[in-house]
Each structure stands twice: as C-alpha cells, then as structure tokens.
C-alpha cells in the first residue's frame, strides 16, 4: 500500500519482497553504529521483522515504510513513525542505504512522513538520536524539530537526544 508520494519517492508498506534489502540496510556499518543492532542479521530475521512491522501497521495504523525510487522502484531506505513504550507520542525513524546518501532522500522522505503524521491526526512527533549522530541532528533541525533533552529514556544507561515537533503549530 502506497502511503505518500513525493517528487522522487514513494513511501509504501514494507512487504515480504523487501527482506533482502532490509537485511542489507540494517547491517550497514553506519546503521549499526548510529541506530544499533536490530537483530535483522539473517534472511529469516528480516522476514520476522517484516511480520512484526505488518502487525504494527494493524495495531497503530502506522510504522516504518519502505522508501523507494518513484521511477525505478529501487529501494532507498526506510522512514516512518514508531510508537515506543517509553515515549508519549510517535517518533520519526529513518535510515537510508549508504549508496543513496547526500542526495536529499532522508529529508524528502521525512517531510512526507511529517505530512502523513498530520493527515492521520497526530498532534506531535518526537525523534530520538544518539548525541553524536550529527547527520540526523542536522536533518531533524532542518525539518523543524526542537531539541528537548538528553537523557536515559530507555532506562538502559545510554543517554539519547529527544526532539519534539508540534504538528498543530
């Protein structure tokens, strides 16, 4: 199911055909360093991740979407909304395949996700990132997110930055 279309991109539901791409994306060095190991390290893990993602579409009405090139259909990354137990509002999450970096795809797809959040009635969005993830911090600032705090939000001893975006403003 297509969620949003931009000038260059489509954002759609993740499906079983995306397993190989997700396995590759979730194991790139920058992903592991900045986001962490999400346990998607075999094709079966990727398929299970997809099943959980599809369950979350039903549970919340949103989750991560596949970002693909509108013309070629090539997968570029993921972007979407994640409802975490320790956050009071959904947070935006994104990762772009390293071969597509520095082309504006993270910003373009994130703008579409913010617009989508408004369309489905969200009042605010949050974002979390490690304090040393300069690229994500720059992107969140460019999108209009405001820094809230740096804290151990998950209770695991690791401090992360929290950002806020008021969708009603």
C-alpha atoms as a PDB file:
ATOM      1  CA  UNK A   1       0.000   0.000   0.000  1.00  0.00           C
ATOM      2  CA  UNK A   2       1.385   3.403  -1.003  1.00  0.00           C
ATOM      3  CA  UNK A   3       1.349   5.889   1.884  1.00  0.00           C
ATOM      4  CA  UNK A   4       2.884   9.002   0.316  1.00  0.00           C
ATOM      5  CA  UNK A   5       4.349  10.115  -2.972  1.00  0.00           C
ATOM      6  CA  UNK A   6       6.907  12.901  -3.364  1.00  0.00           C
ATOM      7  CA  UNK A   7       8.667  14.321  -6.392  1.00  0.00           C
ATOM      8  CA  UNK A   8      11.180  11.455  -6.469  1.00  0.00           C
ATOM      9  CA  UNK A   9       9.985   8.897  -3.937  1.00  0.00           C
ATOM     10  CA  UNK A  10       7.217   6.534  -2.916  1.00  0.00           C
ATOM     11  CA  UNK A  11       6.663   5.555   0.707  1.00  0.00           C
ATOM     12  CA  UNK A  12       4.827   2.245   0.987  1.00  0.00           C
ATOM     13  CA  UNK A  13       4.131  -0.591   3.375  1.00  0.00           C
ATOM     14  CA  UNK A  14       7.034  -2.976   3.816  1.00  0.00           C
ATOM     15  CA  UNK A  15       6.308  -6.457   2.436  1.00  0.00           C
ATOM     16  CA  UNK A  16       7.962  -9.876   2.177  1.00  0.00           C
ATOM     17  CA  UNK A  17       9.753  -8.898  -1.048  1.00  0.00           C
ATOM     18  CA  UNK A  18      11.797  -6.349   0.918  1.00  0.00           C
ATOM     19  CA  UNK A  19      13.626  -8.892   3.113  1.00  0.00           C
ATOM     20  CA  UNK A  20      16.945  -8.866   1.205  1.00  0.00           C
ATOM     21  CA  UNK A  21      17.079  -5.080   1.105  1.00  0.00           C
ATOM     22  CA  UNK A  22      16.274  -4.763   4.815  1.00  0.00           C
ATOM     23  CA  UNK A  23      18.936  -7.346   5.672  1.00  0.00           C
ATOM     24  CA  UNK A  24      21.481  -5.262   3.746  1.00  0.00           C
ATOM     25  CA  UNK A  25      20.335  -1.893   5.150  1.00  0.00           C
ATOM     26  CA  UNK A  26      20.136  -2.999   8.785  1.00  0.00           C
ATOM     27  CA  UNK A  27      23.672  -4.399   8.670  1.00  0.00           C
ATOM     28  CA  UNK A  28      25.495  -1.465   7.108  1.00  0.00           C
ATOM     29  CA  UNK A  29      28.250  -0.153   9.404  1.00  0.00           C
ATOM     30  CA  UNK A  30      26.678   3.303   9.810  1.00  0.00           C
ATOM     31  CA  UNK A  31      23.296   1.774  10.698  1.00  0.00           C
ATOM     32  CA  UNK A  32      24.846  -0.471  13.336  1.00  0.00           C
ATOM     33  CA  UNK A  33      26.904   2.401  14.757  1.00  0.00           C
ATOM     34  CA  UNK A  34      24.199   5.095  14.832  1.00  0.00           C
ATOM     35  CA  UNK A  35      20.996   3.091  15.309  1.00  0.00           C
ATOM     36  CA  UNK A  36      22.213  -0.225  16.662  1.00  0.00           C
ATOM     37  CA  UNK A  37      21.762  -3.914  16.031  1.00  0.00           C
ATOM     38  CA  UNK A  38      18.064  -4.581  15.498  1.00  0.00           C
ATOM     39  CA  UNK A  39      18.518  -8.344  15.225  1.00  0.00           C
ATOM     40  CA  UNK A  40      17.977  -8.380  11.458  1.00  0.00           C
ATOM     41  CA  UNK A  41      21.077 -10.439  10.701  1.00  0.00           C
ATOM     42  CA  UNK A  42      19.672 -13.330   8.642  1.00  0.00           C
ATOM     43  CA  UNK A  43      17.052 -13.514   5.928  1.00  0.00           C
ATOM     44  CA  UNK A  44      14.708 -15.261   8.402  1.00  0.00           C
ATOM     45  CA  UNK A  45      15.237 -12.453  10.927  1.00  0.00           C
ATOM     46  CA  UNK A  46      14.385  -9.967   8.171  1.00  0.00           C
ATOM     47  CA  UNK A  47      11.176 -11.875   7.383  1.00  0.00           C
ATOM     48  CA  UNK A  48      10.230 -11.886  11.084  1.00  0.00           C
ATOM     49  CA  UNK A  49      10.957  -8.154  11.251  1.00  0.00           C
ATOM     50  CA  UNK A  50       8.590  -7.669   8.304  1.00  0.00           C
ATOM     51  CA  UNK A  51       5.859  -9.690  10.051  1.00  0.00           C
ATOM     52  CA  UNK A  52       6.212  -7.546  13.195  1.00  0.00           C
ATOM     53  CA  UNK A  53       6.119  -4.412  11.044  1.00  0.00           C
ATOM     54  CA  UNK A  54       2.893  -5.577   9.385  1.00  0.00           C
ATOM     55  CA  UNK A  55       1.381  -6.313  12.812  1.00  0.00           C
ATOM     56  CA  UNK A  56       2.271  -2.777  13.891  1.00  0.00           C
ATOM     57  CA  UNK A  57       0.507  -1.332  10.827  1.00  0.00           C
ATOM     58  CA  UNK A  58      -2.649  -3.043  12.103  1.00  0.00           C
ATOM     59  CA  UNK A  59      -2.071  -2.129  15.753  1.00  0.00           C
ATOM     60  CA  UNK A  60      -1.139   1.547  15.350  1.00  0.00           C
ATOM     61  CA  UNK A  61      -2.160   2.438  11.798  1.00  0.00           C
ATOM     62  CA  UNK A  62       1.456   3.366  11.004  1.00  0.00           C
ATOM     63  CA  UNK A  63       5.043   2.156  11.366  1.00  0.00           C
ATOM     64  CA  UNK A  64       8.149   2.176   9.197  1.00  0.00           C
ATOM     65  CA  UNK A  65       7.625   2.421   5.440  1.00  0.00           C
ATOM     66  CA  UNK A  66       9.884   1.430   2.599  1.00  0.00           C
ATOM     67  CA  UNK A  67      11.256   4.416   0.685  1.00  0.00           C
ATOM     68  CA  UNK A  68      11.730   3.647  -2.988  1.00  0.00           C
ATOM     69  CA  UNK A  69      12.694   5.492  -6.137  1.00  0.00           C
ATOM     70  CA  UNK A  70       9.492   6.540  -7.887  1.00  0.00           C
ATOM     71  CA  UNK A  71      10.814   5.772 -11.380  1.00  0.00           C
ATOM     72  CA  UNK A  72      12.972   2.668 -10.957  1.00  0.00           C
ATOM     73  CA  UNK A  73      11.284   1.119  -7.915  1.00  0.00           C
ATOM     74  CA  UNK A  74      14.713   0.648  -6.331  1.00  0.00           C
ATOM     75  CA  UNK A  75      14.592   0.579  -2.512  1.00  0.00           C
ATOM     76  CA  UNK A  76      16.423   3.524  -0.963  1.00  0.00           C
ATOM     77  CA  UNK A  77      15.723   3.168   2.753  1.00  0.00           C
ATOM     78  CA  UNK A  78      13.037   3.207   5.417  1.00  0.00           C
ATOM     79  CA  UNK A  79      11.213   6.080   7.066  1.00  0.00           C
ATOM     80  CA  UNK A  80       8.120   6.251   9.208  1.00  0.00           C
ATOM     81  CA  UNK A  81       6.536   6.559  12.606  1.00  0.00           C
ATOM     82  CA  UNK A  82       7.331   4.307  15.554  1.00  0.00           C
ATOM     83  CA  UNK A  83       5.327   4.126  18.778  1.00  0.00           C
ATOM     84  CA  UNK A  84       7.745   3.288  21.580  1.00  0.00           C
ATOM     85  CA  UNK A  85       6.591   2.210  25.039  1.00  0.00           C
ATOM     86  CA  UNK A  86       8.700   4.876  26.732  1.00  0.00           C
ATOM     87  CA  UNK A  87       7.540   7.827  24.566  1.00  0.00           C
ATOM     88  CA  UNK A  88       4.168   9.578  24.784  1.00  0.00           C
ATOM     89  CA  UNK A  89       3.959  10.250  21.020  1.00  0.00           C
ATOM     90  CA  UNK A  90       5.217   8.506  17.881  1.00  0.00           C
ATOM     91  CA  UNK A  91       8.765   9.206  16.828  1.00  0.00           C
ATOM     92  CA  UNK A  92      10.101   9.522  13.329  1.00  0.00           C
ATOM     93  CA  UNK A  93      12.663   6.930  12.346  1.00  0.00           C
ATOM     94  CA  UNK A  94      14.693   6.803   9.153  1.00  0.00           C
ATOM     95  CA  UNK A  95      17.641   5.043   7.552  1.00  0.00           C
ATOM     96  CA  UNK A  96      18.905   5.468   4.008  1.00  0.00           C
ATOM     97  CA  UNK A  97      21.070   2.939   2.165  1.00  0.00           C
ATOM     98  CA  UNK A  98      24.594   4.356   2.170  1.00  0.00           C
ATOM     99  CA  UNK A  99      24.798   4.295  -1.638  1.00  0.00           C
ATOM    100  CA  UNK A 100      21.973   6.879  -1.670  1.00  0.00           C
ATOM    101  CA  UNK A 101      23.432   9.281   0.901  1.00  0.00           C
ATOM    102  CA  UNK A 102      23.866  13.000   0.177  1.00  0.00           C
ATOM    103  CA  UNK A 103      21.018  13.131  -2.344  1.00  0.00           C
ATOM    104  CA  UNK A 104      18.332  14.599  -0.073  1.00  0.00           C
ATOM    105  CA  UNK A 105      16.329  11.373   0.219  1.00  0.00           C
ATOM    106  CA  UNK A 106      16.259  11.377   4.035  1.00  0.00           C
ATOM    107  CA  UNK A 107      14.937  14.946   4.091  1.00  0.00           C
ATOM    108  CA  UNK A 108      12.407  14.397   1.287  1.00  0.00           C
ATOM    109  CA  UNK A 109      11.033  11.191   2.804  1.00  0.00           C
ATOM    110  CA  UNK A 110      10.984  12.727   6.300  1.00  0.00           C
ATOM    111  CA  UNK A 111       8.960  15.699   5.053  1.00  0.00           C
ATOM    112  CA  UNK A 112       6.462  13.188   3.648  1.00  0.00           C
ATOM    113  CA  UNK A 113       6.315  11.335   6.982  1.00  0.00           C
ATOM    114  CA  UNK A 114       5.667  14.584   8.885  1.00  0.00           C
ATOM    115  CA  UNK A 115       2.863  15.395   6.424  1.00  0.00           C
ATOM    116  CA  UNK A 116       1.491  11.860   6.819  1.00  0.00           C
ATOM    117  CA  UNK A 117       1.504  12.240  10.613  1.00  0.00           C
ATOM    118  CA  UNK A 118      -0.626  15.384  10.287  1.00  0.00           C
ATOM    119  CA  UNK A 119      -3.001  13.615   7.901  1.00  0.00           C
ATOM    120  CA  UNK A 120      -3.613  10.757  10.339  1.00  0.00           C
ATOM    121  CA  UNK A 121      -4.334  13.166  13.188  1.00  0.00           C
ATOM    122  CA  UNK A 122      -1.119  13.164  15.203  1.00  0.00           C
ATOM    123  CA  UNK A 123      -0.673  16.312  17.297  1.00  0.00           C
ATOM    124  CA  UNK A 124       3.051  15.953  17.881  1.00  0.00           C
ATOM    125  CA  UNK A 125       6.044  13.949  16.767  1.00  0.00           C
ATOM    126  CA  UNK A 126       9.167  13.019  18.638  1.00  0.00           C
ATOM    127  CA  UNK A 127      12.575  11.933  17.423  1.00  0.00           C
ATOM    128  CA  UNK A 128      15.433  10.220  19.199  1.00  0.00           C
ATOM    129  CA  UNK A 129      19.059  10.016  18.163  1.00  0.00           C
ATOM    130  CA  UNK A 130      22.431   9.423  19.696  1.00  0.00           C
ATOM    131  CA  UNK A 131      24.112  12.685  20.744  1.00  0.00           C
ATOM    132  CA  UNK A 132      26.967  12.055  18.283  1.00  0.00           C
ATOM    133  CA  UNK A 133      24.775  11.408  15.218  1.00  0.00           C
ATOM    134  CA  UNK A 134      25.449  14.783  13.613  1.00  0.00           C
ATOM    135  CA  UNK A 135      23.724  13.988  10.308  1.00  0.00           C
ATOM    136  CA  UNK A 136      20.435  13.026  11.986  1.00  0.00           C
ATOM    137  CA  UNK A 137      20.617  16.033  14.306  1.00  0.00           C
ATOM    138  CA  UNK A 138      21.082  18.372  11.310  1.00  0.00           C
ATOM    139  CA  UNK A 139      18.195  16.711   9.483  1.00  0.00           C
ATOM    140  CA  UNK A 140      15.845  16.940  12.471  1.00  0.00           C
ATOM    141  CA  UNK A 141      16.703  20.614  12.924  1.00  0.00           C
ATOM    142  CA  UNK A 142      16.134  21.290   9.206  1.00  0.00           C
ATOM    143  CA  UNK A 143      12.725  19.592   9.470  1.00  0.00           C
ATOM    144  CA  UNK A 144      11.754  21.886  12.358  1.00  0.00           C
ATOM    145  CA  UNK A 145      12.223  19.572  15.346  1.00  0.00           C
ATOM    146  CA  UNK A 146      13.297  21.265  18.586  1.00  0.00           C
ATOM    147  CA  UNK A 147      15.788  19.704  20.997  1.00  0.00           C
ATOM    148  CA  UNK A 148      14.073  18.729  24.270  1.00  0.00           C
ATOM    149  CA  UNK A 149      16.672  16.906  26.358  1.00  0.00           C
ATOM    150  CA  UNK A 150      19.452  14.350  26.508  1.00  0.00           C
ATOM    151  CA  UNK A 151      18.511  11.581  28.930  1.00  0.00           C
ATOM    152  CA  UNK A 152      18.430   7.839  29.570  1.00  0.00           C
ATOM    153  CA  UNK A 153      14.950   7.488  28.069  1.00  0.00           C
ATOM    154  CA  UNK A 154      15.017   3.708  27.732  1.00  0.00           C
ATOM    155  CA  UNK A 155      16.431   3.062  31.194  1.00  0.00           C
ATOM    156  CA  UNK A 156      19.406   1.148  29.826  1.00  0.00           C
ATOM    157  CA  UNK A 157      22.154   3.551  30.902  1.00  0.00           C
ATOM    158  CA  UNK A 158      22.539   5.081  27.434  1.00  0.00           C
ATOM    159  CA  UNK A 159      21.738   8.761  27.019  1.00  0.00           C
ATOM    160  CA  UNK A 160      19.927   9.758  23.832  1.00  0.00           C
ATOM    161  CA  UNK A 161      18.728  13.074  22.467  1.00  0.00           C
ATOM    162  CA  UNK A 162      14.980  13.698  22.366  1.00  0.00           C
ATOM    163  CA  UNK A 163      13.470  16.135  19.857  1.00  0.00           C
ATOM    164  CA  UNK A 164       9.907  17.471  19.621  1.00  0.00           C
ATOM    165  CA  UNK A 165       7.777  18.721  16.706  1.00  0.00           C
ATOM    166  CA  UNK A 166       4.378  20.335  17.322  1.00  0.00           C
ATOM    167  CA  UNK A 167       2.181  19.391  14.361  1.00  0.00           C
ATOM    168  CA  UNK A 168      -0.553  21.849  15.383  1.00  0.00           C
ATOM    169  CA  UNK A 169       1.648  24.947  15.074  1.00  0.00           C
END
